[in-house]
Protein backbone atom coordinates (compact mmCIF):
# COMPACT_ATOMS: atom_id res chain seq x y z
CA MET A 1 66.28 -23.71 -105.59
CA ARG A 2 66.87 -23.88 -101.81
CA TYR A 3 66.43 -20.05 -101.64
CA ALA A 4 63.46 -20.06 -104.26
CA LEU A 5 60.69 -21.68 -100.91
CA PRO A 6 62.13 -18.31 -98.66
CA ILE A 7 61.72 -16.00 -101.38
CA ALA A 8 58.59 -16.91 -102.28
CA LEU A 9 57.40 -16.72 -98.45
CA LEU A 10 58.87 -13.40 -98.17
CA ILE A 11 57.03 -12.46 -101.32
CA CYS A 12 53.74 -13.76 -100.39
CA LEU A 13 53.84 -12.22 -96.65
CA ALA A 14 54.52 -8.69 -98.40
CA ALA A 15 51.51 -9.06 -100.66
CA VAL A 16 49.33 -9.84 -97.76
CA LEU A 17 50.80 -6.99 -95.73
CA VAL A 18 50.27 -4.41 -98.80
CA LEU A 19 46.76 -6.19 -99.66
CA SER A 20 45.61 -6.44 -96.23
CA PRO A 21 44.58 -3.25 -95.34
CA HIS A 22 42.50 -2.69 -98.44
CA LEU A 23 40.48 -6.33 -98.27
CA GLU A 24 37.77 -4.92 -95.43
CA PRO A 25 36.93 -1.44 -97.29
CA ARG A 26 36.79 -2.81 -100.41
CA ARG A 27 34.05 -5.50 -98.58
CA LEU A 28 32.42 -2.83 -96.96
CA ARG A 29 31.94 -0.54 -100.03
CA ALA A 30 30.50 -3.96 -102.02
CA ARG A 31 28.15 -4.26 -99.31
CA ALA A 32 27.14 -0.23 -98.96
CA ARG A 33 26.24 -0.54 -103.00
CA ARG A 34 23.77 -3.15 -102.35
CA VAL A 35 21.81 -1.26 -99.72
CA THR A 36 22.15 1.06 -101.92
CA ASP A 37 20.87 -0.69 -104.92
CA ASP A 38 17.85 -1.82 -102.25
CA LEU A 39 16.86 1.29 -101.16
CA ARG A 40 16.90 2.93 -105.01
CA GLY A 41 15.17 -0.52 -106.15
CA LYS A 42 12.62 -1.34 -103.33
CA HIS A 43 12.04 1.50 -101.32
CA GLY A 44 12.03 4.56 -103.50
CA PHE A 45 14.85 6.38 -102.74
CA ARG A 46 16.85 8.21 -105.66
CA ASP A 47 20.35 9.80 -105.95
CA GLY A 48 21.37 12.54 -103.70
CA SER A 49 24.23 15.17 -103.36
CA LYS A 50 27.40 15.15 -101.85
CA ALA A 51 26.74 19.05 -100.89
CA ALA A 52 23.72 18.42 -98.95
CA TRP A 53 26.03 16.57 -96.11
CA THR A 54 28.25 19.68 -96.13
CA ALA A 55 26.44 21.48 -92.91
CA ALA A 56 27.10 18.07 -90.88
CA ARG A 57 30.46 17.44 -91.91
CA SER A 58 31.35 21.10 -91.13
CA THR A 59 30.34 20.69 -87.51
CA GLY A 60 33.41 18.03 -87.17
CA TRP A 61 31.34 16.56 -84.61
CA PRO A 62 31.34 12.57 -84.57
CA PRO A 63 32.15 10.62 -87.21
CA PHE A 64 33.64 13.46 -88.89
CA HIS A 65 36.19 14.56 -85.76
CA TYR A 66 39.22 12.58 -87.15
CA GLY A 67 41.71 11.62 -90.20
CA THR A 68 42.05 12.82 -93.65
CA HIS A 69 40.90 12.37 -97.34
CA GLN A 70 37.22 12.21 -95.88
CA ALA A 71 34.75 11.58 -98.73
CA ILE A 72 30.92 11.10 -98.99
CA ASP A 73 29.30 8.26 -101.80
CA ASN A 74 26.46 6.36 -102.38
CA GLU A 75 24.03 9.69 -101.63
CA LEU A 76 20.40 8.79 -101.92
CA VAL A 77 17.44 10.76 -100.55
CA GLY A 78 14.20 9.47 -100.03
CA THR A 79 11.30 9.75 -97.39
CA LEU A 80 10.15 7.68 -94.10
CA HIS A 81 7.31 8.43 -92.26
CA ASP A 82 6.67 11.53 -94.90
CA LEU A 83 9.83 12.89 -93.15
CA PRO A 84 13.11 13.87 -95.55
CA VAL A 85 15.79 11.34 -95.37
CA ARG A 86 19.18 11.51 -96.83
CA VAL A 87 21.52 8.37 -97.04
CA ALA A 88 25.24 8.07 -97.36
CA GLY A 89 28.45 6.28 -97.09
CA TYR A 90 31.32 8.15 -95.36
CA GLU A 91 35.05 6.83 -95.69
CA VAL A 92 38.30 8.50 -93.76
CA VAL A 93 42.01 7.79 -93.66
CA THR A 94 44.03 7.73 -90.29
CA THR A 95 47.13 6.13 -88.99
CA GLY A 96 47.31 5.12 -93.09
CA SER A 97 44.15 2.89 -92.98
CA ARG A 98 40.90 3.34 -94.27
CA HIS A 99 37.42 3.48 -92.00
CA ARG A 100 34.08 3.25 -93.24
CA TYR A 101 30.74 4.31 -91.84
CA GLY A 102 27.13 4.33 -92.65
CA LEU A 103 24.77 7.80 -92.69
CA ALA A 104 21.77 8.22 -92.50
CA ALA A 105 20.14 12.06 -91.95
CA VAL A 106 16.56 12.97 -91.06
CA VAL A 107 15.36 16.44 -91.61
CA LEU A 108 13.29 17.21 -88.44
CA PRO A 109 9.71 18.89 -88.67
CA ARG A 110 10.96 21.04 -86.04
CA PRO A 111 14.14 22.13 -84.28
CA MET A 112 15.31 19.82 -81.47
CA GLU A 113 17.50 19.96 -78.09
CA TRP A 114 20.97 18.93 -78.83
CA MET A 115 21.51 15.13 -77.30
CA GLU A 116 23.21 12.06 -78.18
CA VAL A 117 22.97 8.30 -77.69
CA ARG A 118 26.31 6.27 -78.63
CA GLY A 119 26.09 2.86 -79.09
CA GLU A 120 29.38 1.42 -80.21
CA ARG A 121 32.32 0.87 -78.03
CA PRO A 122 35.09 1.74 -78.48
CA PHE A 123 33.81 5.01 -79.99
CA SER A 124 36.31 5.84 -82.56
CA ALA A 125 39.06 3.76 -84.61
CA ALA A 126 41.86 2.43 -82.79
CA ARG A 127 44.59 4.84 -81.93
CA VAL A 128 42.49 7.68 -82.58
CA PRO A 129 41.58 9.89 -79.17
CA ASP A 130 37.56 9.36 -78.95
CA HIS A 131 35.78 12.80 -79.10
CA VAL A 132 33.32 13.07 -75.49
CA PRO A 133 31.17 15.67 -75.16
CA ASP A 134 30.42 17.46 -72.05
CA GLY A 135 26.84 16.69 -70.73
CA LYS A 136 27.66 12.79 -70.34
CA LEU A 137 24.43 11.38 -68.68
CA ALA A 138 24.16 9.00 -65.41
CA ASP A 139 23.75 5.01 -66.06
CA SER A 140 20.02 4.33 -66.15
CA GLY A 141 19.61 1.27 -64.34
CA ILE A 142 18.78 -0.94 -67.02
CA ARG A 143 22.10 -3.47 -67.47
CA GLU A 144 21.48 -4.02 -71.00
CA PHE A 145 21.64 -0.55 -72.08
CA ASP A 146 24.54 0.87 -69.65
CA ALA A 147 26.56 -2.11 -71.07
CA SER A 148 26.55 -0.82 -74.53
CA TRP A 149 25.28 2.55 -74.94
CA THR A 150 25.99 6.22 -73.80
CA ALA A 151 23.63 9.24 -73.39
CA TYR A 152 24.86 12.38 -73.84
CA ALA A 153 22.51 16.09 -73.12
CA ASP A 154 22.94 19.72 -72.19
CA THR A 155 19.83 20.58 -71.45
CA GLN A 156 17.06 19.80 -69.35
CA LEU A 157 14.51 18.45 -72.21
CA GLY A 158 17.66 17.11 -73.48
CA VAL A 159 18.19 14.86 -70.36
CA MET A 160 14.98 14.05 -69.68
CA THR A 161 14.70 12.32 -73.33
CA ALA A 162 18.20 10.93 -73.90
CA GLY A 163 18.02 10.04 -70.14
CA SER A 164 15.09 8.62 -69.96
CA ARG A 165 13.60 5.10 -68.91
CA ARG A 166 11.71 4.92 -72.61
CA THR A 167 14.94 5.65 -74.40
CA ALA A 168 17.02 2.79 -72.73
CA GLU A 169 14.23 0.16 -73.35
CA THR A 170 13.97 1.59 -76.75
CA MET A 171 17.27 1.60 -78.21
CA ALA A 172 17.57 -2.10 -76.81
CA THR A 173 15.13 -2.99 -79.66
CA VAL A 174 17.90 -1.46 -82.01
CA PRO A 175 18.93 -4.55 -84.77
CA THR A 176 22.63 -2.91 -84.96
CA PRO A 177 24.78 -0.89 -82.64
CA LEU A 178 25.00 2.35 -84.15
CA SER A 179 25.04 5.92 -82.71
CA TRP A 180 22.45 9.30 -83.16
CA ARG A 181 22.22 12.19 -82.44
CA THR A 182 20.03 15.45 -82.71
CA HIS A 183 21.19 19.27 -83.86
CA ASN A 184 19.13 22.12 -84.78
CA SER A 185 16.66 20.76 -87.24
CA GLU A 186 18.52 17.28 -88.11
CA LEU A 187 18.69 13.83 -86.52
CA LEU A 188 21.78 11.84 -87.75
CA LEU A 189 22.51 8.35 -87.43
CA TRP A 190 26.16 6.49 -88.21
CA LYS A 191 27.47 3.20 -87.97
CA ARG A 192 30.86 2.37 -88.45
CA GLY A 193 31.17 0.09 -91.01
CA GLY A 194 27.90 0.70 -92.43
CA TRP A 195 24.52 -1.21 -92.37
CA ASP A 196 23.96 -4.86 -93.69
CA THR A 197 21.13 -4.44 -95.52
CA ALA A 198 18.59 -1.60 -96.25
CA THR A 199 15.88 -3.12 -94.03
CA GLN A 200 18.13 -2.88 -91.08
CA LEU A 201 19.03 0.48 -91.77
CA LEU A 202 15.57 1.63 -92.26
CA THR A 203 14.27 -0.76 -89.20
CA SER A 204 16.91 1.34 -87.40
CA LEU A 205 16.08 4.57 -88.56
CA SER A 206 12.04 4.07 -87.68
CA ILE A 207 13.04 2.33 -84.14
CA VAL A 208 14.73 6.00 -83.37
CA MET A 209 12.24 8.24 -85.39
CA ASN A 210 9.53 6.59 -83.11
CA LEU A 211 11.60 7.44 -80.08
CA LEU A 212 11.61 10.78 -80.74
CA GLU A 213 7.70 10.59 -81.66
CA LEU A 214 8.84 11.74 -85.24
CA THR A 215 5.73 9.16 -86.21
CA GLU A 216 2.40 8.11 -85.40
CA ILE A 217 2.65 4.73 -86.98
CA GLY A 218 5.21 2.99 -84.83
CA VAL A 219 8.12 0.90 -86.35
CA PRO A 220 6.76 -1.31 -89.71
CA GLU A 221 7.44 -4.97 -89.14
CA TRP A 222 9.95 -5.60 -91.84
CA GLY A 223 11.79 -7.85 -89.92
CA TYR A 224 16.10 -8.04 -89.92
């Protein structure tokens, strides 16, 4: 009997160690399914395809820059401000742990200069080297932006856009930390863990699209 309690405690500890890496991914997947259901049921999105994400993933740029067993799920397509939008979840395994991101891509009406604005620090998963591109821009001088965001660009137009006061002020209104990049004819948003709600995702998309002057009607007042 005196050995029963220590053995039980050891079994419980082993179970926690085995199960704990899987609990958070399961929670995030369940939340992603709720977001997917809302996008489909309330906002007119429909099933998409994994193939549509091949070009974005092949760049090897964040968040596709590390890990193994990379997988896309919950693929949807729809429209926002009359532009085609793709939404999906993305998972990757590194150092024995699974990490999840939410993805949203907008097909641009015209090619745009490459630029990135990142709002999550540390950017990559623990123990994974960050992917830092050339072209890091100087601080904007706006404390709220500089404390949480980093901008990158390598052309004059990109610097004028990503490094502008308007960008700094606009990103301060985004409802949750995220990162975005323009490349050729695509705008990509990604968020570690994914978005909490469909409204939060669509609001974030609308704010960035409005910043890049992709819409003339502004940001819908959905609330979040």
